[in-house]
Amino acid sequence: MTTDAGEQEPTLTIDELAARTGVTVRTVRFYGTKGLLPPPEIGPRRVGHYGREHLARLALIEELQHQGMTLAAIERYLSRLPADLSAQDLALHRAVVASWAPDAVESVSRAELGRRAGRPLAEEDVDRLVAMDVVERTEDGYRVDLGLLRLGVELLDVPLAEESVLAAREVLLEHSRAAAHELSRLFRGEVGQRDARAVKALSAHMQPLIVQALLTTFQRSLREELREWLPDTSATGTLPDPSATGT
């Protein structure tokens, strides 16, 4: 399976998709019958093959469930999305949903850490999560922010050194804090003369708009950077898959 940009898509059987996402095969089939997942591409021997969009949709469904949405609400949410959204677009939707998750730092055992990760974790995986400051070892287990854990587990499959991940994290923290400070200063004058309830209502209304604006502007800026860095990069702003070039 290939994308429009010529990238090689991962082709997963239903068993591999279930193992990769931490759900059961029965759940994958159920989501398919409910229309939450598009049908697989049928290959030789009538075997269904799943790709990046299926992985991204399952991750979005998981995040919506984590936010407490019922299956009916998830169906309504997904039905409003364009049917041809790319994996990158779905990941952005998931990022918006995840941004409303409260901080949830918990102490867990080694077995619970693997269960929460949604996949088996080898010791080297745990070591990398610790090095990325996603997981902290304690005397009787681990402390982990469940929101960061989902991101960290996905980073395990990205061929970047821990130092690069940590440096990227610092860049994002620095600039996001600066943006939050400047936006707060900008709006402070607007709400200074209002009562507390009005300020709270305005904040609740503006916060999702600001998050969406930040994601959209960052995505477009990243696309421009990638076009200058890699002329062959597609308009979706995705990096070429190294497996497609044999590197």
C-alpha atoms as a PDB file:
ATOM      1  CA  MET A   1       0.000   0.000   0.000  1.00  0.00           C
ATOM      2  CA  THR A   2       1.373   3.443  -0.946  1.00  0.00           C
ATOM      3  CA  THR A   3       0.356   6.999  -0.230  1.00  0.00           C
ATOM      4  CA  ASP A   4      -0.144   9.723  -2.817  1.00  0.00           C
ATOM      5  CA  ALA A   5       3.360  10.899  -2.069  1.00  0.00           C
ATOM      6  CA  GLY A   6       4.760   7.480  -2.904  1.00  0.00           C
ATOM      7  CA  GLU A   7       5.509   6.493   0.680  1.00  0.00           C
ATOM      8  CA  GLN A   8       5.298   2.870   1.656  1.00  0.00           C
ATOM      9  CA  GLU A   9       2.409   2.344   4.054  1.00  0.00           C
ATOM     10  CA  PRO A  10       2.648  -0.161   6.876  1.00  0.00           C
ATOM     11  CA  THR A  11       0.462  -3.141   6.001  1.00  0.00           C
ATOM     12  CA  LEU A  12      -0.886  -4.801   9.112  1.00  0.00           C
ATOM     13  CA  THR A  13      -3.187  -7.757   9.450  1.00  0.00           C
ATOM     14  CA  ILE A  14      -6.085  -7.402  11.849  1.00  0.00           C
ATOM     15  CA  ASP A  15      -4.134  -9.347  14.480  1.00  0.00           C
ATOM     16  CA  GLU A  16      -1.112  -7.057  14.072  1.00  0.00           C
ATOM     17  CA  LEU A  17      -3.312  -3.947  14.192  1.00  0.00           C
ATOM     18  CA  ALA A  18      -4.958  -5.145  17.399  1.00  0.00           C
ATOM     19  CA  ALA A  19      -1.602  -5.940  19.019  1.00  0.00           C
ATOM     20  CA  ARG A  20      -0.149  -2.598  17.920  1.00  0.00           C
ATOM     21  CA  THR A  21      -3.022  -0.598  19.416  1.00  0.00           C
ATOM     22  CA  GLY A  22      -3.714  -2.674  22.522  1.00  0.00           C
ATOM     23  CA  VAL A  23      -7.283  -3.615  21.607  1.00  0.00           C
ATOM     24  CA  THR A  24      -8.778  -6.979  20.738  1.00  0.00           C
ATOM     25  CA  VAL A  25      -9.464  -8.271  17.242  1.00  0.00           C
ATOM     26  CA  ARG A  26     -13.127  -8.403  18.214  1.00  0.00           C
ATOM     27  CA  THR A  27     -13.037  -4.689  19.053  1.00  0.00           C
ATOM     28  CA  VAL A  28     -11.433  -3.819  15.699  1.00  0.00           C
ATOM     29  CA  ARG A  29     -14.163  -5.771  13.881  1.00  0.00           C
ATOM     30  CA  PHE A  30     -16.851  -4.132  16.003  1.00  0.00           C
ATOM     31  CA  TYR A  31     -15.535  -0.658  15.179  1.00  0.00           C
ATOM     32  CA  GLY A  32     -15.548  -1.632  11.520  1.00  0.00           C
ATOM     33  CA  THR A  33     -19.197  -2.735  11.601  1.00  0.00           C
ATOM     34  CA  LYS A  34     -20.130   0.526  13.363  1.00  0.00           C
ATOM     35  CA  GLY A  35     -18.377   2.558  10.676  1.00  0.00           C
ATOM     36  CA  LEU A  36     -15.776   3.956  13.066  1.00  0.00           C
ATOM     37  CA  LEU A  37     -12.985   2.377  11.023  1.00  0.00           C
ATOM     38  CA  PRO A  38     -12.822   2.297   7.221  1.00  0.00           C
ATOM     39  CA  PRO A  39     -12.640  -1.153   5.647  1.00  0.00           C
ATOM     40  CA  PRO A  40      -9.170  -2.645   5.134  1.00  0.00           C
ATOM     41  CA  GLU A  41      -7.520  -3.042   1.766  1.00  0.00           C
ATOM     42  CA  ILE A  42      -8.046  -6.611   0.624  1.00  0.00           C
ATOM     43  CA  GLY A  43      -4.842  -8.315  -0.488  1.00  0.00           C
ATOM     44  CA  PRO A  44      -3.903 -11.781  -1.715  1.00  0.00           C
ATOM     45  CA  ARG A  45      -5.836 -14.687  -0.180  1.00  0.00           C
ATOM     46  CA  ARG A  46      -8.559 -12.209   0.810  1.00  0.00           C
ATOM     47  CA  VAL A  47      -6.501 -10.974   3.761  1.00  0.00           C
ATOM     48  CA  GLY A  48      -7.372  -7.473   4.975  1.00  0.00           C
ATOM     49  CA  HIS A  49      -4.500  -5.015   5.381  1.00  0.00           C
ATOM     50  CA  TYR A  50      -4.597  -1.926   7.581  1.00  0.00           C
ATOM     51  CA  GLY A  51      -2.466   1.207   7.377  1.00  0.00           C
ATOM     52  CA  ARG A  52      -1.607   4.484   9.103  1.00  0.00           C
ATOM     53  CA  GLU A  53      -5.135   5.886   8.943  1.00  0.00           C
ATOM     54  CA  HIS A  54      -6.492   2.878  10.812  1.00  0.00           C
ATOM     55  CA  LEU A  55      -3.824   3.260  13.481  1.00  0.00           C
ATOM     56  CA  ALA A  56      -4.578   6.980  13.780  1.00  0.00           C
ATOM     57  CA  ARG A  57      -8.340   6.439  13.971  1.00  0.00           C
ATOM     58  CA  LEU A  58      -7.959   3.833  16.695  1.00  0.00           C
ATOM     59  CA  ALA A  59      -5.698   6.218  18.632  1.00  0.00           C
ATOM     60  CA  LEU A  60      -8.319   8.982  18.297  1.00  0.00           C
ATOM     61  CA  ILE A  61     -11.093   6.643  19.456  1.00  0.00           C
ATOM     62  CA  GLU A  62      -8.962   5.657  22.455  1.00  0.00           C
ATOM     63  CA  GLU A  63      -8.417   9.320  23.333  1.00  0.00           C
ATOM     64  CA  LEU A  64     -12.121  10.116  23.043  1.00  0.00           C
ATOM     65  CA  GLN A  65     -12.905   7.189  25.330  1.00  0.00           C
ATOM     66  CA  HIS A  66     -10.242   8.411  27.752  1.00  0.00           C
ATOM     67  CA  GLN A  67     -12.100  11.735  27.880  1.00  0.00           C
ATOM     68  CA  GLY A  68     -15.241   9.867  28.977  1.00  0.00           C
ATOM     69  CA  MET A  69     -17.180   9.956  25.709  1.00  0.00           C
ATOM     70  CA  THR A  70     -19.724   7.215  25.110  1.00  0.00           C
ATOM     71  CA  LEU A  71     -19.616   5.100  21.967  1.00  0.00           C
ATOM     72  CA  ALA A  72     -22.643   6.963  20.612  1.00  0.00           C
ATOM     73  CA  ALA A  73     -20.906  10.304  21.186  1.00  0.00           C
ATOM     74  CA  ILE A  74     -17.761   9.002  19.499  1.00  0.00           C
ATOM     75  CA  GLU A  75     -19.829   7.894  16.513  1.00  0.00           C
ATOM     76  CA  ARG A  76     -21.314  11.398  16.225  1.00  0.00           C
ATOM     77  CA  TYR A  77     -17.871  12.994  16.581  1.00  0.00           C
ATOM     78  CA  LEU A  78     -16.287  10.835  13.874  1.00  0.00           C
ATOM     79  CA  SER A  79     -19.287  11.173  11.550  1.00  0.00           C
ATOM     80  CA  ARG A  80     -18.647  14.927  11.388  1.00  0.00           C
ATOM     81  CA  LEU A  81     -15.069  14.431  10.197  1.00  0.00           C
ATOM     82  CA  PRO A  82     -14.261  14.240   6.477  1.00  0.00           C
ATOM     83  CA  ALA A  83     -13.975  10.631   5.384  1.00  0.00           C
ATOM     84  CA  ASP A  84     -10.620  11.149   3.645  1.00  0.00           C
ATOM     85  CA  LEU A  85      -8.647  12.618   6.558  1.00  0.00           C
ATOM     86  CA  SER A  86      -4.997  11.583   6.545  1.00  0.00           C
ATOM     87  CA  ALA A  87      -3.238  10.000   9.505  1.00  0.00           C
ATOM     88  CA  GLN A  88      -1.603  13.357  10.202  1.00  0.00           C
ATOM     89  CA  ASP A  89      -4.984  15.155  10.253  1.00  0.00           C
ATOM     90  CA  LEU A  90      -6.384  12.517  12.608  1.00  0.00           C
ATOM     91  CA  ALA A  91      -3.351  12.928  14.851  1.00  0.00           C
ATOM     92  CA  LEU A  92      -4.106  16.672  15.050  1.00  0.00           C
ATOM     93  CA  HIS A  93      -7.681  15.942  16.101  1.00  0.00           C
ATOM     94  CA  ARG A  94      -6.350  13.610  18.751  1.00  0.00           C
ATOM     95  CA  ALA A  95      -3.934  16.295  19.943  1.00  0.00           C
ATOM     96  CA  VAL A  96      -6.810  18.750  20.385  1.00  0.00           C
ATOM     97  CA  VAL A  97      -8.823  16.175  22.332  1.00  0.00           C
ATOM     98  CA  ALA A  98      -5.835  15.191  24.481  1.00  0.00           C
ATOM     99  CA  SER A  99      -5.091  18.826  25.300  1.00  0.00           C
ATOM    100  CA  TRP A 100      -8.147  18.892  27.576  1.00  0.00           C
ATOM    101  CA  ALA A 101      -7.052  15.878  29.603  1.00  0.00           C
ATOM    102  CA  PRO A 102      -6.294  16.830  33.224  1.00  0.00           C
ATOM    103  CA  ASP A 103      -2.859  16.129  34.649  1.00  0.00           C
ATOM    104  CA  ALA A 104      -2.958  12.529  35.805  1.00  0.00           C
ATOM    105  CA  VAL A 105       0.291  11.483  37.439  1.00  0.00           C
ATOM    106  CA  GLU A 106      -0.036   8.036  38.954  1.00  0.00           C
ATOM    107  CA  SER A 107       2.178   5.500  40.680  1.00  0.00           C
ATOM    108  CA  VAL A 108       2.026   2.158  38.870  1.00  0.00           C
ATOM    109  CA  SER A 109       3.690  -1.227  38.953  1.00  0.00           C
ATOM    110  CA  ARG A 110       5.806  -2.624  36.124  1.00  0.00           C
ATOM    111  CA  ALA A 111       2.894  -4.762  34.904  1.00  0.00           C
ATOM    112  CA  GLU A 112       0.469  -1.833  35.111  1.00  0.00           C
ATOM    113  CA  LEU A 113       2.907   0.360  33.192  1.00  0.00           C
ATOM    114  CA  GLY A 114       2.818  -2.075  30.286  1.00  0.00           C
ATOM    115  CA  ARG A 115      -0.958  -2.295  30.449  1.00  0.00           C
ATOM    116  CA  ARG A 116      -1.353   1.487  30.450  1.00  0.00           C
ATOM    117  CA  ALA A 117       1.090   1.739  27.543  1.00  0.00           C
ATOM    118  CA  GLY A 118      -1.193  -0.483  25.481  1.00  0.00           C
ATOM    119  CA  ARG A 119       1.658  -2.715  24.346  1.00  0.00           C
ATOM    120  CA  PRO A 120       4.404  -4.884  25.836  1.00  0.00           C
ATOM    121  CA  LEU A 121       7.374  -2.844  27.008  1.00  0.00           C
ATOM    122  CA  ALA A 122      10.856  -4.349  26.947  1.00  0.00           C
ATOM    123  CA  GLU A 123      13.348  -3.106  29.518  1.00  0.00           C
ATOM    124  CA  GLU A 124      15.074  -1.003  26.874  1.00  0.00           C
ATOM    125  CA  ASP A 125      11.692   0.621  26.128  1.00  0.00           C
ATOM    126  CA  VAL A 126      11.245   1.510  29.793  1.00  0.00           C
ATOM    127  CA  ASP A 127      14.813   2.830  29.919  1.00  0.00           C
ATOM    128  CA  ARG A 128      14.067   5.091  26.970  1.00  0.00           C
ATOM    129  CA  LEU A 129      10.838   6.348  28.527  1.00  0.00           C
ATOM    130  CA  VAL A 130      12.793   7.180  31.677  1.00  0.00           C
ATOM    131  CA  ALA A 131      15.500   8.929  29.635  1.00  0.00           C
ATOM    132  CA  MET A 132      12.810  11.016  27.913  1.00  0.00           C
ATOM    133  CA  ASP A 133      11.402  12.063  31.314  1.00  0.00           C
ATOM    134  CA  VAL A 134       8.103  10.354  30.525  1.00  0.00           C
ATOM    135  CA  VAL A 135       8.448   7.794  33.321  1.00  0.00           C
ATOM    136  CA  GLU A 136      10.151   8.151  36.690  1.00  0.00           C
ATOM    137  CA  ARG A 137      11.419   5.132  38.599  1.00  0.00           C
ATOM    138  CA  THR A 138      10.511   4.945  42.289  1.00  0.00           C
ATOM    139  CA  GLU A 139      11.385   2.489  45.057  1.00  0.00           C
ATOM    140  CA  ASP A 140       8.269   0.390  44.499  1.00  0.00           C
ATOM    141  CA  GLY A 141       7.397   1.060  40.870  1.00  0.00           C
ATOM    142  CA  TYR A 142       7.025   4.017  38.531  1.00  0.00           C
ATOM    143  CA  ARG A 143       5.433   7.460  38.462  1.00  0.00           C
ATOM    144  CA  VAL A 144       3.960   8.397  35.132  1.00  0.00           C
ATOM    145  CA  ASP A 145       1.815  11.128  33.596  1.00  0.00           C
ATOM    146  CA  LEU A 146      -0.696   9.096  31.588  1.00  0.00           C
ATOM    147  CA  GLY A 147      -1.028  11.808  28.940  1.00  0.00           C
ATOM    148  CA  LEU A 148       2.727  11.885  28.381  1.00  0.00           C
ATOM    149  CA  LEU A 149       2.870   8.085  28.431  1.00  0.00           C
ATOM    150  CA  ARG A 150       0.764   7.814  25.282  1.00  0.00           C
ATOM    151  CA  LEU A 151       3.042  10.299  23.535  1.00  0.00           C
ATOM    152  CA  GLY A 152       6.192   8.607  24.839  1.00  0.00           C
ATOM    153  CA  VAL A 153       5.111   5.177  23.655  1.00  0.00           C
ATOM    154  CA  GLU A 154       4.574   6.541  20.152  1.00  0.00           C
ATOM    155  CA  LEU A 155       8.039   8.116  20.276  1.00  0.00           C
ATOM    156  CA  LEU A 156       9.522   4.668  20.908  1.00  0.00           C
ATOM    157  CA  ASP A 157       8.928   3.912  17.221  1.00  0.00           C
ATOM    158  CA  VAL A 158      10.574   7.137  16.057  1.00  0.00           C
ATOM    159  CA  PRO A 159      14.290   6.800  15.185  1.00  0.00           C
ATOM    160  CA  LEU A 160      15.468   9.757  17.287  1.00  0.00           C
ATOM    161  CA  ALA A 161      18.012   9.793  20.093  1.00  0.00           C
ATOM    162  CA  GLU A 162      16.774  10.587  23.607  1.00  0.00           C
ATOM    163  CA  GLU A 163      18.882  13.752  23.555  1.00  0.00           C
ATOM    164  CA  SER A 164      17.045  14.998  20.463  1.00  0.00           C
ATOM    165  CA  VAL A 165      13.657  14.224  21.986  1.00  0.00           C
ATOM    166  CA  LEU A 166      14.566  16.075  25.186  1.00  0.00           C
ATOM    167  CA  ALA A 167      15.920  19.038  23.204  1.00  0.00           C
ATOM    168  CA  ALA A 168      12.720  19.165  21.146  1.00  0.00           C
ATOM    169  CA  ARG A 169      10.681  19.063  24.339  1.00  0.00           C
ATOM    170  CA  GLU A 170      12.595  22.029  25.750  1.00  0.00           C
ATOM    171  CA  VAL A 171      12.065  24.007  22.547  1.00  0.00           C
ATOM    172  CA  LEU A 172       8.325  23.323  22.643  1.00  0.00           C
ATOM    173  CA  LEU A 173       8.058  24.175  26.342  1.00  0.00           C
ATOM    174  CA  GLU A 174      10.002  27.405  25.945  1.00  0.00           C
ATOM    175  CA  HIS A 175       7.993  28.695  23.016  1.00  0.00           C
ATOM    176  CA  SER A 176       4.605  27.495  24.251  1.00  0.00           C
ATOM    177  CA  ARG A 177       5.198  29.235  27.588  1.00  0.00           C
ATOM    178  CA  ALA A 178       6.234  32.404  25.767  1.00  0.00           C
ATOM    179  CA  ALA A 179       3.107  32.247  23.589  1.00  0.00           C
ATOM    180  CA  ALA A 180       0.887  31.643  26.627  1.00  0.00           C
ATOM    181  CA  HIS A 181       2.479  34.576  28.456  1.00  0.00           C
ATOM    182  CA  GLU A 182       2.063  36.977  25.535  1.00  0.00           C
ATOM    183  CA  LEU A 183      -1.531  35.912  24.887  1.00  0.00           C
ATOM    184  CA  SER A 184      -2.340  36.238  28.581  1.00  0.00           C
ATOM    185  CA  ARG A 185      -0.857  39.739  28.616  1.00  0.00           C
ATOM    186  CA  LEU A 186      -2.789  40.637  25.463  1.00  0.00           C
ATOM    187  CA  PHE A 187      -6.159  39.539  26.863  1.00  0.00           C
ATOM    188  CA  ARG A 188      -5.588  40.778  30.405  1.00  0.00           C
ATOM    189  CA  GLY A 189      -6.541  44.308  29.463  1.00  0.00           C
ATOM    190  CA  GLU A 190      -9.763  43.055  27.870  1.00  0.00           C
ATOM    191  CA  VAL A 191     -10.991  41.316  31.012  1.00  0.00           C
ATOM    192  CA  GLY A 192      -9.529  43.577  33.690  1.00  0.00           C
ATOM    193  CA  GLN A 193     -12.814  45.407  34.327  1.00  0.00           C
ATOM    194  CA  ARG A 194     -15.077  42.351  34.202  1.00  0.00           C
ATOM    195  CA  ASP A 195     -16.337  40.284  37.093  1.00  0.00           C
ATOM    196  CA  ALA A 196     -14.942  36.828  37.869  1.00  0.00           C
ATOM    197  CA  ARG A 197     -17.797  34.924  36.223  1.00  0.00           C
ATOM    198  CA  ALA A 198     -17.424  36.855  32.984  1.00  0.00           C
ATOM    199  CA  VAL A 199     -13.682  36.247  32.960  1.00  0.00           C
ATOM    200  CA  LYS A 200     -14.196  32.512  33.532  1.00  0.00           C
ATOM    201  CA  ALA A 201     -16.777  32.307  30.751  1.00  0.00           C
ATOM    202  CA  LEU A 202     -14.517  34.169  28.325  1.00  0.00           C
ATOM    203  CA  SER A 203     -11.593  31.907  29.211  1.00  0.00           C
ATOM    204  CA  ALA A 204     -13.660  28.772  28.633  1.00  0.00           C
ATOM    205  CA  HIS A 205     -14.743  30.133  25.245  1.00  0.00           C
ATOM    206  CA  MET A 206     -11.309  31.291  24.111  1.00  0.00           C
ATOM    207  CA  GLN A 207      -9.170  28.393  25.273  1.00  0.00           C
ATOM    208  CA  PRO A 208     -10.252  25.831  22.629  1.00  0.00           C
ATOM    209  CA  LEU A 209     -10.009  28.496  19.924  1.00  0.00           C
ATOM    210  CA  ILE A 210      -6.464  29.365  20.960  1.00  0.00           C
ATOM    211  CA  VAL A 211      -5.423  25.695  21.055  1.00  0.00           C
ATOM    212  CA  GLN A 212      -6.851  25.135  17.584  1.00  0.00           C
ATOM    213  CA  ALA A 213      -5.160  28.284  16.282  1.00  0.00           C
ATOM    214  CA  LEU A 214      -1.801  27.233  17.734  1.00  0.00           C
ATOM    215  CA  LEU A 215      -2.043  23.759  16.215  1.00  0.00           C
ATOM    216  CA  THR A 216      -3.079  25.109  12.825  1.00  0.00           C
ATOM    217  CA  THR A 217      -0.394  27.791  12.641  1.00  0.00           C
ATOM    218  CA  PHE A 218       2.279  25.387  13.861  1.00  0.00           C
ATOM    219  CA  GLN A 219       1.300  22.756  11.308  1.00  0.00           C
ATOM    220  CA  ARG A 220       1.444  25.278   8.471  1.00  0.00           C
ATOM    221  CA  SER A 221       4.778  26.646   9.669  1.00  0.00           C
ATOM    222  CA  LEU A 222       6.156  23.128   9.875  1.00  0.00           C
ATOM    223  CA  ARG A 223       5.012  22.413   6.334  1.00  0.00           C
ATOM    224  CA  GLU A 224       6.875  25.466   5.083  1.00  0.00           C
ATOM    225  CA  GLU A 225      10.028  24.411   6.939  1.00  0.00           C
ATOM    226  CA  LEU A 226       9.815  20.900   5.498  1.00  0.00           C
ATOM    227  CA  ARG A 227       9.340  22.221   1.978  1.00  0.00           C
ATOM    228  CA  GLU A 228      12.581  24.199   2.301  1.00  0.00           C
ATOM    229  CA  TRP A 229      14.444  21.337   3.995  1.00  0.00           C
ATOM    230  CA  LEU A 230      13.152  18.481   1.829  1.00  0.00           C
ATOM    231  CA  PRO A 231      11.943  19.658  -1.587  1.00  0.00           C
ATOM    232  CA  ASP A 232      10.372  16.256  -2.280  1.00  0.00           C
ATOM    233  CA  THR A 233       8.211  16.381   0.869  1.00  0.00           C
ATOM    234  CA  SER A 234       4.516  16.194   0.064  1.00  0.00           C
ATOM    235  CA  ALA A 235       2.083  18.999   0.759  1.00  0.00           C
ATOM    236  CA  THR A 236       0.908  17.145   3.860  1.00  0.00           C
ATOM    237  CA  GLY A 237       4.194  17.997   5.511  1.00  0.00           C
ATOM    238  CA  THR A 238       5.172  14.415   6.275  1.00  0.00           C
ATOM    239  CA  LEU A 239       8.681  13.077   6.224  1.00  0.00           C
ATOM    240  CA  PRO A 240       9.537  10.390   3.665  1.00  0.00           C
ATOM    241  CA  ASP A 241       9.470   6.891   5.095  1.00  0.00           C
ATOM    242  CA  PRO A 242      13.086   5.587   5.297  1.00  0.00           C
ATOM    243  CA  SER A 243      11.846   2.052   4.596  1.00  0.00           C
ATOM    244  CA  ALA A 244      10.675   3.183   1.188  1.00  0.00           C
ATOM    245  CA  THR A 245      14.179   4.234   0.181  1.00  0.00           C
ATOM    246  CA  GLY A 246      16.015   1.315   1.716  1.00  0.00           C
ATOM    247  CA  THR A 247      17.806   3.462   4.336  1.00  0.00           C
END
